[in-house]
Amino acid sequence: MGKIVLRLDRMMVERKISLNELAERVGISNVNLSKIKNNKVTAIRFSTLAAICDVLKCDAGDILEFQKGE
């Protein structure tokens, strides 16, 4: 079975934004954003994803990646 991988780290580097700044602008804690950035979550709220995309000026597809299973 495939899985969804979050590529937030790449987008943050491209946009030159720190974890602290993004967390503050999105309105979530640094700890929760760090978990999202490091793929330590099993779910993400659409409202959080939308807020991240709004701040980073990107589409959800720029952050979410599907990896096929074996």
Protein backbone atom coordinates (compact mmCIF):
# COMPACT_ATOMS: atom_id res chain seq x y z
CA MET A 1 0.00 0.00 0.00
CA GLY A 2 1.22 3.49 -0.78
CA LYS A 3 1.53 6.36 1.64
CA ILE A 4 1.37 10.13 1.71
CA VAL A 5 4.60 11.90 2.63
CA LEU A 6 4.77 15.53 3.70
CA ARG A 7 7.46 17.59 1.99
CA LEU A 8 7.04 20.69 4.12
CA ASP A 9 10.77 20.80 4.84
CA ARG A 10 11.57 21.32 1.15
CA MET A 11 8.99 24.04 0.77
CA MET A 12 10.26 25.85 3.86
CA VAL A 13 13.81 25.84 2.45
CA GLU A 14 12.57 27.10 -0.93
CA ARG A 15 10.59 29.89 0.74
CA LYS A 16 13.40 30.65 3.23
CA ILE A 17 11.11 30.54 6.26
CA SER A 18 11.97 29.18 9.68
CA LEU A 19 9.92 26.74 11.70
CA ASN A 20 9.24 29.39 14.35
CA GLU A 21 8.09 31.99 11.83
CA LEU A 22 5.85 29.56 9.96
CA ALA A 23 4.32 28.23 13.19
CA GLU A 24 3.56 31.76 14.36
CA ARG A 25 2.05 32.82 11.03
CA VAL A 26 -0.04 29.62 10.72
CA GLY A 27 -1.17 29.76 14.35
CA ILE A 28 0.04 26.37 15.58
CA SER A 29 2.70 25.39 18.10
CA ASN A 30 6.31 24.83 17.10
CA VAL A 31 6.04 21.26 18.39
CA ASN A 32 3.04 20.43 16.19
CA LEU A 33 4.58 22.06 13.12
CA SER A 34 7.83 20.18 13.76
CA LYS A 35 5.88 16.90 13.80
CA ILE A 36 4.28 17.80 10.47
CA LYS A 37 7.63 18.84 9.00
CA ASN A 38 9.29 15.60 10.08
CA ASN A 39 6.44 13.28 8.97
CA LYS A 40 5.60 12.26 12.53
CA VAL A 41 1.84 12.70 12.05
CA THR A 42 -0.81 10.36 10.70
CA ALA A 43 -3.31 13.11 9.91
CA ILE A 44 -3.43 16.85 9.24
CA ARG A 45 -6.47 19.08 9.35
CA PHE A 46 -7.44 20.64 6.06
CA SER A 47 -7.63 24.02 7.81
CA THR A 48 -4.01 23.64 8.95
CA LEU A 49 -2.90 22.53 5.49
CA ALA A 50 -4.75 25.48 3.94
CA ALA A 51 -3.11 27.92 6.38
CA ILE A 52 0.35 26.51 5.61
CA CYS A 53 -0.30 26.79 1.87
CA ASP A 54 -1.57 30.34 2.31
CA VAL A 55 1.56 31.44 4.19
CA LEU A 56 3.94 29.61 1.84
CA LYS A 57 1.97 30.65 -1.27
CA CYS A 58 1.85 27.13 -2.64
CA ASP A 59 -0.62 24.35 -3.45
CA ALA A 60 -1.29 21.32 -1.26
CA GLY A 61 0.33 19.19 -3.97
CA ASP A 62 3.58 21.05 -3.39
CA ILE A 63 3.64 19.71 0.18
CA LEU A 64 1.93 16.31 -0.17
CA GLU A 65 3.56 13.50 -2.11
CA PHE A 66 2.21 10.02 -2.81
CA GLN A 67 4.74 7.19 -2.59
CA LYS A 68 3.71 3.88 -4.11
CA GLY A 69 3.98 0.81 -1.94
CA GLU A 70 5.84 -2.36 -2.78
